[in-house]
């Protein structure tokens, strides 16, 4: 059980490294679910195991039930990992003082081996003390049941949301001109930094919108390793925010958050509200000073 929990913790550490925040994830959400389940099952399973040993040391049936329940939990965990082929792909913002946007991918195939060892030990322990012929039959049956649970979970039509920030990859729901614009808030970096104000990244659409507290533009760029990525945000004809960053991987997902403070700083005007003033906002993304994505969003006036 400790081995199963430790493996789950290692898988989570591989997928979500320290000082990194996952901004978008194309695969691997099921891997995280399986790792968390294995971690929790191993820790929670220890309590009834100890209680059975202390309160009813001679109750082999109770001990067998606890061990088989742990086997079932690990089988489901492995099934979730298999749903994503033990692979994760995601975009991360890493760093303590300065963020670096990177696209990472990884494989956690070792989880199959380590959780498999844990399951094997648990099965042998569960049926210990039985005669050899009966033990052989029970182990074969339990192994077949374990594999069946793994396959059923891996192939079951269950959807686990993978995206946190951008996450709009389907052609039918792709945002206009390849740039997602959402109502957003500027959260501290320890909580992931700027985020869409809804649970999922919801694009504001093409029509003029009511004044939001803040907006965030984001896009996905491919084949840009080593190139300079430029971000420009304008209010009317005034540039209110800009940044340049060197892409450290083939794929990257640059984004820009802006609110009334950026408009106030960029234009020199005094803010009369905490919401973005009415007008036209334009987000542009450049690769080596060449414009590749551009989108305009209009904020309408607040009713009198």
C-alpha atoms as a PDB file:
ATOM      1  CA  UNK A   1       0.000   0.000   0.000  1.00  0.00           C
ATOM      2  CA  UNK A   2       2.876   2.358   0.754  1.00  0.00           C
ATOM      3  CA  UNK A   3       4.448   1.437  -2.600  1.00  0.00           C
ATOM      4  CA  UNK A   4       1.169   2.223  -4.365  1.00  0.00           C
ATOM      5  CA  UNK A   5       0.896   5.608  -2.628  1.00  0.00           C
ATOM      6  CA  UNK A   6       4.534   6.487  -3.280  1.00  0.00           C
ATOM      7  CA  UNK A   7       4.113   5.645  -6.974  1.00  0.00           C
ATOM      8  CA  UNK A   8       1.035   7.873  -7.180  1.00  0.00           C
ATOM      9  CA  UNK A   9       2.969  10.716  -5.574  1.00  0.00           C
ATOM     10  CA  UNK A  10       5.891  10.280  -7.997  1.00  0.00           C
ATOM     11  CA  UNK A  11       3.543  10.309 -11.005  1.00  0.00           C
ATOM     12  CA  UNK A  12       1.897  13.529  -9.778  1.00  0.00           C
ATOM     13  CA  UNK A  13       5.322  15.104  -9.200  1.00  0.00           C
ATOM     14  CA  UNK A  14       6.326  14.188 -12.765  1.00  0.00           C
ATOM     15  CA  UNK A  15       3.155  15.678 -14.238  1.00  0.00           C
ATOM     16  CA  UNK A  16       2.946  18.750 -11.988  1.00  0.00           C
ATOM     17  CA  UNK A  17       6.499  19.810 -11.063  1.00  0.00           C
ATOM     18  CA  UNK A  18       7.190  22.215  -8.211  1.00  0.00           C
ATOM     19  CA  UNK A  19       6.984  25.953  -9.076  1.00  0.00           C
ATOM     20  CA  UNK A  20       5.014  25.217 -12.271  1.00  0.00           C
ATOM     21  CA  UNK A  21       1.379  25.991 -13.028  1.00  0.00           C
ATOM     22  CA  UNK A  22      -0.396  24.114 -15.817  1.00  0.00           C
ATOM     23  CA  UNK A  23      -1.995  26.685 -18.111  1.00  0.00           C
ATOM     24  CA  UNK A  24      -3.415  24.241 -20.672  1.00  0.00           C
ATOM     25  CA  UNK A  25      -3.435  20.467 -20.944  1.00  0.00           C
ATOM     26  CA  UNK A  26      -4.137  18.445 -24.081  1.00  0.00           C
ATOM     27  CA  UNK A  27      -3.758  15.017 -22.448  1.00  0.00           C
ATOM     28  CA  UNK A  28      -2.953  13.556 -19.075  1.00  0.00           C
ATOM     29  CA  UNK A  29      -5.969  14.551 -16.986  1.00  0.00           C
ATOM     30  CA  UNK A  30      -6.882  10.868 -16.553  1.00  0.00           C
ATOM     31  CA  UNK A  31      -3.293  10.094 -15.524  1.00  0.00           C
ATOM     32  CA  UNK A  32      -3.622  12.616 -12.715  1.00  0.00           C
ATOM     33  CA  UNK A  33      -6.958  11.101 -11.620  1.00  0.00           C
ATOM     34  CA  UNK A  34      -5.432   7.612 -11.489  1.00  0.00           C
ATOM     35  CA  UNK A  35      -2.367   8.810  -9.566  1.00  0.00           C
ATOM     36  CA  UNK A  36      -4.508  10.632  -7.000  1.00  0.00           C
ATOM     37  CA  UNK A  37      -6.731   7.562  -6.588  1.00  0.00           C
ATOM     38  CA  UNK A  38      -3.715   5.280  -6.017  1.00  0.00           C
ATOM     39  CA  UNK A  39      -2.206   7.776  -3.567  1.00  0.00           C
ATOM     40  CA  UNK A  40      -5.436   8.059  -1.578  1.00  0.00           C
ATOM     41  CA  UNK A  41      -6.249   4.333  -1.702  1.00  0.00           C
ATOM     42  CA  UNK A  42      -2.866   3.339  -0.337  1.00  0.00           C
ATOM     43  CA  UNK A  43      -3.011   5.787   2.554  1.00  0.00           C
ATOM     44  CA  UNK A  44      -6.686   5.192   3.411  1.00  0.00           C
ATOM     45  CA  UNK A  45      -6.290   1.406   3.090  1.00  0.00           C
ATOM     46  CA  UNK A  46      -3.660   1.293   5.825  1.00  0.00           C
ATOM     47  CA  UNK A  47      -6.126   2.356   8.529  1.00  0.00           C
ATOM     48  CA  UNK A  48      -8.608  -0.558   8.238  1.00  0.00           C
ATOM     49  CA  UNK A  49      -5.662  -2.920   7.718  1.00  0.00           C
ATOM     50  CA  UNK A  50      -4.152  -1.904  11.070  1.00  0.00           C
ATOM     51  CA  UNK A  51      -7.563  -1.977  12.776  1.00  0.00           C
ATOM     52  CA  UNK A  52      -8.260  -5.534  11.576  1.00  0.00           C
ATOM     53  CA  UNK A  53      -4.847  -6.697  12.791  1.00  0.00           C
ATOM     54  CA  UNK A  54      -5.368  -5.104  16.243  1.00  0.00           C
ATOM     55  CA  UNK A  55      -9.078  -5.748  16.850  1.00  0.00           C
ATOM     56  CA  UNK A  56      -9.619  -9.065  15.056  1.00  0.00           C
ATOM     57  CA  UNK A  57      -6.210 -10.608  14.321  1.00  0.00           C
ATOM     58  CA  UNK A  58      -7.736 -14.004  13.555  1.00  0.00           C
ATOM     59  CA  UNK A  59     -10.320 -12.773  11.052  1.00  0.00           C
ATOM     60  CA  UNK A  60      -8.718 -13.769   7.755  1.00  0.00           C
ATOM     61  CA  UNK A  61     -11.934 -12.951   5.900  1.00  0.00           C
ATOM     62  CA  UNK A  62     -11.871  -9.293   7.009  1.00  0.00           C
ATOM     63  CA  UNK A  63      -8.197  -9.031   6.117  1.00  0.00           C
ATOM     64  CA  UNK A  64      -8.894 -10.530   2.712  1.00  0.00           C
ATOM     65  CA  UNK A  65     -11.723  -8.036   2.108  1.00  0.00           C
ATOM     66  CA  UNK A  66      -9.469  -5.034   2.901  1.00  0.00           C
ATOM     67  CA  UNK A  67      -6.684  -6.293   0.645  1.00  0.00           C
ATOM     68  CA  UNK A  68      -9.037  -7.038  -2.261  1.00  0.00           C
ATOM     69  CA  UNK A  69     -10.656  -3.606  -1.890  1.00  0.00           C
ATOM     70  CA  UNK A  70      -7.178  -2.111  -2.268  1.00  0.00           C
ATOM     71  CA  UNK A  71      -6.581  -4.260  -5.357  1.00  0.00           C
ATOM     72  CA  UNK A  72      -9.851  -3.000  -6.851  1.00  0.00           C
ATOM     73  CA  UNK A  73      -8.907   0.639  -6.187  1.00  0.00           C
ATOM     74  CA  UNK A  74      -5.468   0.186  -7.785  1.00  0.00           C
ATOM     75  CA  UNK A  75      -7.054  -1.571 -10.772  1.00  0.00           C
ATOM     76  CA  UNK A  76      -9.309   1.424 -11.350  1.00  0.00           C
ATOM     77  CA  UNK A  77      -6.323   3.768 -10.954  1.00  0.00           C
ATOM     78  CA  UNK A  78      -4.319   1.853 -13.567  1.00  0.00           C
ATOM     79  CA  UNK A  79      -7.355   1.947 -15.861  1.00  0.00           C
ATOM     80  CA  UNK A  80      -7.482   5.744 -15.641  1.00  0.00           C
ATOM     81  CA  UNK A  81      -3.764   5.980 -16.415  1.00  0.00           C
ATOM     82  CA  UNK A  82      -4.247   3.683 -19.406  1.00  0.00           C
ATOM     83  CA  UNK A  83      -6.997   5.966 -20.759  1.00  0.00           C
ATOM     84  CA  UNK A  84      -4.278   8.481 -21.666  1.00  0.00           C
ATOM     85  CA  UNK A  85      -1.698   5.780 -22.496  1.00  0.00           C
ATOM     86  CA  UNK A  86       0.309   6.878 -19.439  1.00  0.00           C
ATOM     87  CA  UNK A  87       1.201  10.072 -21.312  1.00  0.00           C
ATOM     88  CA  UNK A  88       0.659  13.745 -20.524  1.00  0.00           C
ATOM     89  CA  UNK A  89       1.083  16.818 -22.723  1.00  0.00           C
ATOM     90  CA  UNK A  90       0.611  20.302 -21.356  1.00  0.00           C
ATOM     91  CA  UNK A  91       1.742  23.909 -21.326  1.00  0.00           C
ATOM     92  CA  UNK A  92       3.273  25.168 -18.081  1.00  0.00           C
ATOM     93  CA  UNK A  93       4.242  28.497 -16.567  1.00  0.00           C
ATOM     94  CA  UNK A  94       7.318  27.786 -14.455  1.00  0.00           C
ATOM     95  CA  UNK A  95       9.403  29.983 -12.209  1.00  0.00           C
ATOM     96  CA  UNK A  96       9.385  31.739  -8.861  1.00  0.00           C
ATOM     97  CA  UNK A  97      10.026  35.377  -9.749  1.00  0.00           C
ATOM     98  CA  UNK A  98       9.946  35.170 -13.567  1.00  0.00           C
ATOM     99  CA  UNK A  99       7.574  32.864 -15.437  1.00  0.00           C
ATOM    100  CA  UNK A 100       8.768  30.786 -18.380  1.00  0.00           C
ATOM    101  CA  UNK A 101       6.126  29.272 -20.621  1.00  0.00           C
ATOM    102  CA  UNK A 102       7.063  25.790 -21.820  1.00  0.00           C
ATOM    103  CA  UNK A 103       5.338  22.899 -23.541  1.00  0.00           C
ATOM    104  CA  UNK A 104       6.114  19.611 -21.850  1.00  0.00           C
ATOM    105  CA  UNK A 105       5.301  15.956 -22.451  1.00  0.00           C
ATOM    106  CA  UNK A 106       6.071  12.893 -20.397  1.00  0.00           C
ATOM    107  CA  UNK A 107       5.451   9.182 -19.989  1.00  0.00           C
ATOM    108  CA  UNK A 108       4.742   7.412 -16.712  1.00  0.00           C
ATOM    109  CA  UNK A 109       4.884   3.810 -17.969  1.00  0.00           C
ATOM    110  CA  UNK A 110       6.780   2.854 -14.802  1.00  0.00           C
ATOM    111  CA  UNK A 111       3.447   3.192 -12.982  1.00  0.00           C
ATOM    112  CA  UNK A 112       2.208   0.011 -14.636  1.00  0.00           C
ATOM    113  CA  UNK A 113       5.197  -1.939 -13.254  1.00  0.00           C
ATOM    114  CA  UNK A 114       5.154  -0.525  -9.724  1.00  0.00           C
ATOM    115  CA  UNK A 115       1.372  -0.711  -9.291  1.00  0.00           C
ATOM    116  CA  UNK A 116       1.478  -4.188 -10.847  1.00  0.00           C
ATOM    117  CA  UNK A 117       3.974  -5.291  -8.200  1.00  0.00           C
ATOM    118  CA  UNK A 118       1.741  -3.837  -5.476  1.00  0.00           C
ATOM    119  CA  UNK A 119      -1.322  -5.645  -6.859  1.00  0.00           C
ATOM    120  CA  UNK A 120       0.576  -8.951  -7.081  1.00  0.00           C
ATOM    121  CA  UNK A 121       1.793  -8.705  -3.479  1.00  0.00           C
ATOM    122  CA  UNK A 122      -1.689  -7.785  -2.247  1.00  0.00           C
ATOM    123  CA  UNK A 123      -3.283 -10.736  -4.080  1.00  0.00           C
ATOM    124  CA  UNK A 124      -0.754 -13.220  -2.705  1.00  0.00           C
ATOM    125  CA  UNK A 125      -1.195 -11.824   0.796  1.00  0.00           C
ATOM    126  CA  UNK A 126      -5.003 -11.911   0.493  1.00  0.00           C
ATOM    127  CA  UNK A 127      -5.053 -15.635  -0.319  1.00  0.00           C
ATOM    128  CA  UNK A 128      -2.153 -16.707   1.877  1.00  0.00           C
ATOM    129  CA  UNK A 129      -2.794 -19.845   3.914  1.00  0.00           C
ATOM    130  CA  UNK A 130      -4.976 -21.626   1.352  1.00  0.00           C
ATOM    131  CA  UNK A 131      -4.022 -24.959  -0.183  1.00  0.00           C
ATOM    132  CA  UNK A 132      -1.958 -24.790  -3.355  1.00  0.00           C
ATOM    133  CA  UNK A 133      -4.681 -25.895  -5.794  1.00  0.00           C
ATOM    134  CA  UNK A 134      -7.293 -23.510  -4.443  1.00  0.00           C
ATOM    135  CA  UNK A 135      -4.730 -20.720  -4.237  1.00  0.00           C
ATOM    136  CA  UNK A 136      -3.865 -21.188  -7.910  1.00  0.00           C
ATOM    137  CA  UNK A 137      -7.525 -20.978  -8.959  1.00  0.00           C
ATOM    138  CA  UNK A 138      -8.219 -17.905  -6.845  1.00  0.00           C
ATOM    139  CA  UNK A 139      -5.117 -16.094  -8.066  1.00  0.00           C
ATOM    140  CA  UNK A 140      -5.992 -16.766 -11.711  1.00  0.00           C
ATOM    141  CA  UNK A 141      -9.555 -15.564 -11.123  1.00  0.00           C
ATOM    142  CA  UNK A 142      -8.417 -12.468  -9.237  1.00  0.00           C
ATOM    143  CA  UNK A 143      -5.850 -11.658 -11.928  1.00  0.00           C
ATOM    144  CA  UNK A 144      -8.510 -11.969 -14.637  1.00  0.00           C
ATOM    145  CA  UNK A 145     -10.870  -9.728 -12.639  1.00  0.00           C
ATOM    146  CA  UNK A 146      -8.119  -7.144 -12.109  1.00  0.00           C
ATOM    147  CA  UNK A 147      -7.282  -7.005 -15.816  1.00  0.00           C
ATOM    148  CA  UNK A 148     -10.992  -6.763 -16.653  1.00  0.00           C
ATOM    149  CA  UNK A 149     -11.454  -3.775 -14.329  1.00  0.00           C
ATOM    150  CA  UNK A 150      -8.415  -2.021 -15.824  1.00  0.00           C
ATOM    151  CA  UNK A 151      -9.645  -2.548 -19.382  1.00  0.00           C
ATOM    152  CA  UNK A 152     -13.216  -1.513 -18.507  1.00  0.00           C
ATOM    153  CA  UNK A 153     -12.082   1.756 -16.922  1.00  0.00           C
ATOM    154  CA  UNK A 154      -9.618   2.441 -19.746  1.00  0.00           C
ATOM    155  CA  UNK A 155     -12.303   2.018 -22.438  1.00  0.00           C
ATOM    156  CA  UNK A 156     -15.336   3.383 -20.580  1.00  0.00           C
ATOM    157  CA  UNK A 157     -16.916   6.474 -22.213  1.00  0.00           C
ATOM    158  CA  UNK A 158     -16.084   8.779 -19.308  1.00  0.00           C
ATOM    159  CA  UNK A 159     -14.762  12.257 -20.005  1.00  0.00           C
ATOM    160  CA  UNK A 160     -12.352  14.048 -17.688  1.00  0.00           C
ATOM    161  CA  UNK A 161     -11.826  17.713 -18.520  1.00  0.00           C
ATOM    162  CA  UNK A 162      -8.219  18.312 -19.522  1.00  0.00           C
ATOM    163  CA  UNK A 163      -8.008  22.065 -20.076  1.00  0.00           C
ATOM    164  CA  UNK A 164      -7.536  24.684 -17.346  1.00  0.00           C
ATOM    165  CA  UNK A 165      -6.952  27.934 -19.146  1.00  0.00           C
ATOM    166  CA  UNK A 166      -7.084  27.795 -22.949  1.00  0.00           C
ATOM    167  CA  UNK A 167      -8.224  24.282 -23.740  1.00  0.00           C
ATOM    168  CA  UNK A 168     -10.106  25.161 -26.949  1.00  0.00           C
ATOM    169  CA  UNK A 169      -8.727  22.779 -29.556  1.00  0.00           C
ATOM    170  CA  UNK A 170     -11.790  21.326 -31.257  1.00  0.00           C
ATOM    171  CA  UNK A 171     -12.414  22.883 -34.672  1.00  0.00           C
ATOM    172  CA  UNK A 172     -16.099  23.418 -33.930  1.00  0.00           C
ATOM    173  CA  UNK A 173     -15.344  25.451 -30.785  1.00  0.00           C
ATOM    174  CA  UNK A 174     -12.133  27.151 -31.850  1.00  0.00           C
ATOM    175  CA  UNK A 175     -12.164  30.876 -30.946  1.00  0.00           C
ATOM    176  CA  UNK A 176     -12.261  33.535 -33.681  1.00  0.00           C
ATOM    177  CA  UNK A 177      -8.948  34.035 -35.506  1.00  0.00           C
ATOM    178  CA  UNK A 178      -7.199  31.538 -33.233  1.00  0.00           C
ATOM    179  CA  UNK A 179      -7.220  33.833 -30.191  1.00  0.00           C
ATOM    180  CA  UNK A 180      -9.292  33.008 -27.127  1.00  0.00           C
ATOM    181  CA  UNK A 181     -10.565  36.070 -25.237  1.00  0.00           C
ATOM    182  CA  UNK A 182     -12.244  35.477 -21.888  1.00  0.00           C
ATOM    183  CA  UNK A 183     -13.422  37.542 -18.926  1.00  0.00           C
ATOM    184  CA  UNK A 184     -10.578  37.133 -16.474  1.00  0.00           C
ATOM    185  CA  UNK A 185      -9.168  38.139 -13.104  1.00  0.00           C
ATOM    186  CA  UNK A 186      -5.568  38.673 -12.066  1.00  0.00           C
ATOM    187  CA  UNK A 187      -4.932  35.968  -9.469  1.00  0.00           C
ATOM    188  CA  UNK A 188      -1.585  35.823  -7.621  1.00  0.00           C
ATOM    189  CA  UNK A 189       1.064  33.683  -9.309  1.00  0.00           C
ATOM    190  CA  UNK A 190       0.963  31.218  -6.408  1.00  0.00           C
ATOM    191  CA  UNK A 191      -2.630  30.441  -7.438  1.00  0.00           C
ATOM    192  CA  UNK A 192      -1.833  30.176 -11.131  1.00  0.00           C
ATOM    193  CA  UNK A 193      -1.748  33.813 -12.217  1.00  0.00           C
ATOM    194  CA  UNK A 194      -4.381  35.364 -14.532  1.00  0.00           C
ATOM    195  CA  UNK A 195      -7.311  33.033 -15.095  1.00  0.00           C
ATOM    196  CA  UNK A 196     -10.606  32.996 -16.934  1.00  0.00           C
ATOM    197  CA  UNK A 197     -13.448  34.022 -14.623  1.00  0.00           C
ATOM    198  CA  UNK A 198     -15.381  30.808 -15.405  1.00  0.00           C
ATOM    199  CA  UNK A 199     -14.605  27.170 -14.626  1.00  0.00           C
ATOM    200  CA  UNK A 200     -13.842  26.561 -18.310  1.00  0.00           C
ATOM    201  CA  UNK A 201     -12.312  28.925 -20.836  1.00  0.00           C
ATOM    202  CA  UNK A 202     -15.374  30.617 -22.381  1.00  0.00           C
ATOM    203  CA  UNK A 203     -14.760  32.945 -25.309  1.00  0.00           C
ATOM    204  CA  UNK A 204     -16.513  36.336 -25.201  1.00  0.00           C
ATOM    205  CA  UNK A 205     -17.592  35.954 -28.827  1.00  0.00           C
ATOM    206  CA  UNK A 206     -17.751  38.504 -31.642  1.00  0.00           C
ATOM    207  CA  UNK A 207     -20.479  40.895 -30.443  1.00  0.00           C
ATOM    208  CA  UNK A 208     -19.704  43.928 -28.218  1.00  0.00           C
ATOM    209  CA  UNK A 209     -19.560  42.891 -24.566  1.00  0.00           C
ATOM    210  CA  UNK A 210     -20.518  44.502 -21.265  1.00  0.00           C
ATOM    211  CA  UNK A 211     -17.554  46.065 -19.424  1.00  0.00           C
ATOM    212  CA  UNK A 212     -15.592  43.290 -17.638  1.00  0.00           C
ATOM    213  CA  UNK A 213     -13.160  43.606 -14.744  1.00  0.00           C
ATOM    214  CA  UNK A 214     -10.428  42.288 -17.009  1.00  0.00           C
ATOM    215  CA  UNK A 215      -9.807  40.359 -20.209  1.00  0.00           C
ATOM    216  CA  UNK A 216      -7.250  37.742 -21.176  1.00  0.00           C
ATOM    217  CA  UNK A 217      -6.107  36.895 -24.704  1.00  0.00           C
ATOM    218  CA  UNK A 218      -4.386  33.567 -25.331  1.00  0.00           C
ATOM    219  CA  UNK A 219      -3.400  31.502 -28.345  1.00  0.00           C
ATOM    220  CA  UNK A 220      -1.493  28.339 -29.268  1.00  0.00           C
ATOM    221  CA  UNK A 221       1.578  28.549 -31.499  1.00  0.00           C
ATOM    222  CA  UNK A 222       3.313  25.570 -33.122  1.00  0.00           C
ATOM    223  CA  UNK A 223       6.836  25.134 -34.459  1.00  0.00           C
ATOM    224  CA  UNK A 224       8.284  28.218 -32.748  1.00  0.00           C
ATOM    225  CA  UNK A 225      11.186  26.798 -30.722  1.00  0.00           C
ATOM    226  CA  UNK A 226      13.947  29.392 -30.327  1.00  0.00           C
ATOM    227  CA  UNK A 227      11.893  32.162 -31.937  1.00  0.00           C
ATOM    228  CA  UNK A 228      10.920  35.457 -30.341  1.00  0.00           C
ATOM    229  CA  UNK A 229       7.243  35.676 -29.420  1.00  0.00           C
ATOM    230  CA  UNK A 230       5.760  39.158 -29.200  1.00  0.00           C
ATOM    231  CA  UNK A 231       2.536  40.103 -27.393  1.00  0.00           C
ATOM    232  CA  UNK A 232       0.855  43.459 -28.017  1.00  0.00           C
ATOM    233  CA  UNK A 233      -2.395  44.773 -26.526  1.00  0.00           C
ATOM    234  CA  UNK A 234      -3.858  48.096 -27.703  1.00  0.00           C
ATOM    235  CA  UNK A 235      -6.723  50.267 -26.490  1.00  0.00           C
ATOM    236  CA  UNK A 236      -7.878  52.201 -29.521  1.00  0.00           C
ATOM    237  CA  UNK A 237      -4.589  53.347 -31.067  1.00  0.00           C
ATOM    238  CA  UNK A 238      -2.653  53.277 -27.791  1.00  0.00           C
ATOM    239  CA  UNK A 239      -0.379  50.374 -26.879  1.00  0.00           C
ATOM    240  CA  UNK A 240      -1.190  49.515 -23.260  1.00  0.00           C
ATOM    241  CA  UNK A 241       0.700  46.248 -22.803  1.00  0.00           C
ATOM    242  CA  UNK A 242       3.544  44.484 -24.563  1.00  0.00           C
ATOM    243  CA  UNK A 243       5.983  41.673 -23.929  1.00  0.00           C
ATOM    244  CA  UNK A 244       8.627  39.617 -25.724  1.00  0.00           C
ATOM    245  CA  UNK A 245       9.657  36.095 -24.815  1.00  0.00           C
ATOM    246  CA  UNK A 246      11.856  33.432 -26.374  1.00  0.00           C
ATOM    247  CA  UNK A 247      10.024  30.144 -27.022  1.00  0.00           C
ATOM    248  CA  UNK A 248      11.892  27.321 -25.300  1.00  0.00           C
ATOM    249  CA  UNK A 249       9.886  24.537 -26.924  1.00  0.00           C
ATOM    250  CA  UNK A 250       8.244  23.671 -30.238  1.00  0.00           C
ATOM    251  CA  UNK A 251       4.751  24.576 -28.983  1.00  0.00           C
ATOM    252  CA  UNK A 252       3.827  27.426 -26.662  1.00  0.00           C
ATOM    253  CA  UNK A 253       0.677  29.169 -25.450  1.00  0.00           C
ATOM    254  CA  UNK A 254       1.366  32.884 -24.847  1.00  0.00           C
ATOM    255  CA  UNK A 255      -1.289  34.993 -23.134  1.00  0.00           C
ATOM    256  CA  UNK A 256      -1.856  38.535 -21.919  1.00  0.00           C
ATOM    257  CA  UNK A 257      -4.111  39.804 -19.123  1.00  0.00           C
ATOM    258  CA  UNK A 258      -5.179  43.449 -18.993  1.00  0.00           C
ATOM    259  CA  UNK A 259      -7.559  45.533 -16.867  1.00  0.00           C
ATOM    260  CA  UNK A 260      -8.370  49.180 -16.101  1.00  0.00           C
ATOM    261  CA  UNK A 261      -4.954  49.699 -14.488  1.00  0.00           C
ATOM    262  CA  UNK A 262      -3.225  48.945 -17.778  1.00  0.00           C
ATOM    263  CA  UNK A 263      -5.495  51.376 -19.623  1.00  0.00           C
ATOM    264  CA  UNK A 264      -4.883  54.036 -16.980  1.00  0.00           C
ATOM    265  CA  UNK A 265      -1.116  53.528 -17.106  1.00  0.00           C
ATOM    266  CA  UNK A 266      -0.921  53.357 -20.903  1.00  0.00           C
ATOM    267  CA  UNK A 267      -3.161  56.323 -21.734  1.00  0.00           C
ATOM    268  CA  UNK A 268      -2.563  58.558 -18.726  1.00  0.00           C
ATOM    269  CA  UNK A 269      -6.293  58.909 -18.140  1.00  0.00           C
ATOM    270  CA  UNK A 270      -7.902  58.671 -14.701  1.00  0.00           C
ATOM    271  CA  UNK A 271     -10.018  55.578 -14.170  1.00  0.00           C
ATOM    272  CA  UNK A 272     -13.627  56.309 -13.269  1.00  0.00           C
ATOM    273  CA  UNK A 273     -14.521  52.665 -12.646  1.00  0.00           C
ATOM    274  CA  UNK A 274     -12.896  49.359 -11.770  1.00  0.00           C
ATOM    275  CA  UNK A 275     -14.096  47.924 -15.086  1.00  0.00           C
ATOM    276  CA  UNK A 276     -12.510  48.255 -18.501  1.00  0.00           C
ATOM    277  CA  UNK A 277     -13.666  51.454 -20.231  1.00  0.00           C
ATOM    278  CA  UNK A 278     -15.693  51.251 -23.428  1.00  0.00           C
ATOM    279  CA  UNK A 279     -13.800  51.083 -26.690  1.00  0.00           C
ATOM    280  CA  UNK A 280     -11.888  48.770 -28.973  1.00  0.00           C
ATOM    281  CA  UNK A 281      -9.185  46.433 -27.677  1.00  0.00           C
ATOM    282  CA  UNK A 282      -6.824  44.599 -29.995  1.00  0.00           C
ATOM    283  CA  UNK A 283      -4.639  41.603 -29.148  1.00  0.00           C
ATOM    284  CA  UNK A 284      -1.759  40.752 -31.475  1.00  0.00           C
ATOM    285  CA  UNK A 285       0.761  37.907 -31.370  1.00  0.00           C
ATOM    286  CA  UNK A 286       3.991  38.071 -33.364  1.00  0.00           C
ATOM    287  CA  UNK A 287       6.701  35.537 -34.190  1.00  0.00           C
ATOM    288  CA  UNK A 288      10.103  37.112 -34.923  1.00  0.00           C
ATOM    289  CA  UNK A 289       8.370  40.488 -35.442  1.00  0.00           C
ATOM    290  CA  UNK A 290       5.927  39.015 -37.976  1.00  0.00           C
ATOM    291  CA  UNK A 291       2.231  39.309 -37.125  1.00  0.00           C
ATOM    292  CA  UNK A 292       0.638  35.826 -36.963  1.00  0.00           C
ATOM    293  CA  UNK A 293      -2.567  36.343 -34.924  1.00  0.00           C
ATOM    294  CA  UNK A 294      -4.742  39.410 -34.406  1.00  0.00           C
ATOM    295  CA  UNK A 295      -8.179  39.907 -32.908  1.00  0.00           C
ATOM    296  CA  UNK A 296     -10.298  42.900 -31.921  1.00  0.00           C
ATOM    297  CA  UNK A 297     -12.801  42.956 -29.046  1.00  0.00           C
ATOM    298  CA  UNK A 298     -15.260  45.778 -28.450  1.00  0.00           C
ATOM    299  CA  UNK A 299     -16.466  46.792 -24.982  1.00  0.00           C
ATOM    300  CA  UNK A 300     -19.748  48.673 -25.073  1.00  0.00           C
ATOM    301  CA  UNK A 301     -20.679  51.575 -22.827  1.00  0.00           C
ATOM    302  CA  UNK A 302     -22.389  50.946 -19.538  1.00  0.00           C
ATOM    303  CA  UNK A 303     -26.070  51.933 -19.529  1.00  0.00           C
ATOM    304  CA  UNK A 304     -26.849  55.240 -17.805  1.00  0.00           C
END
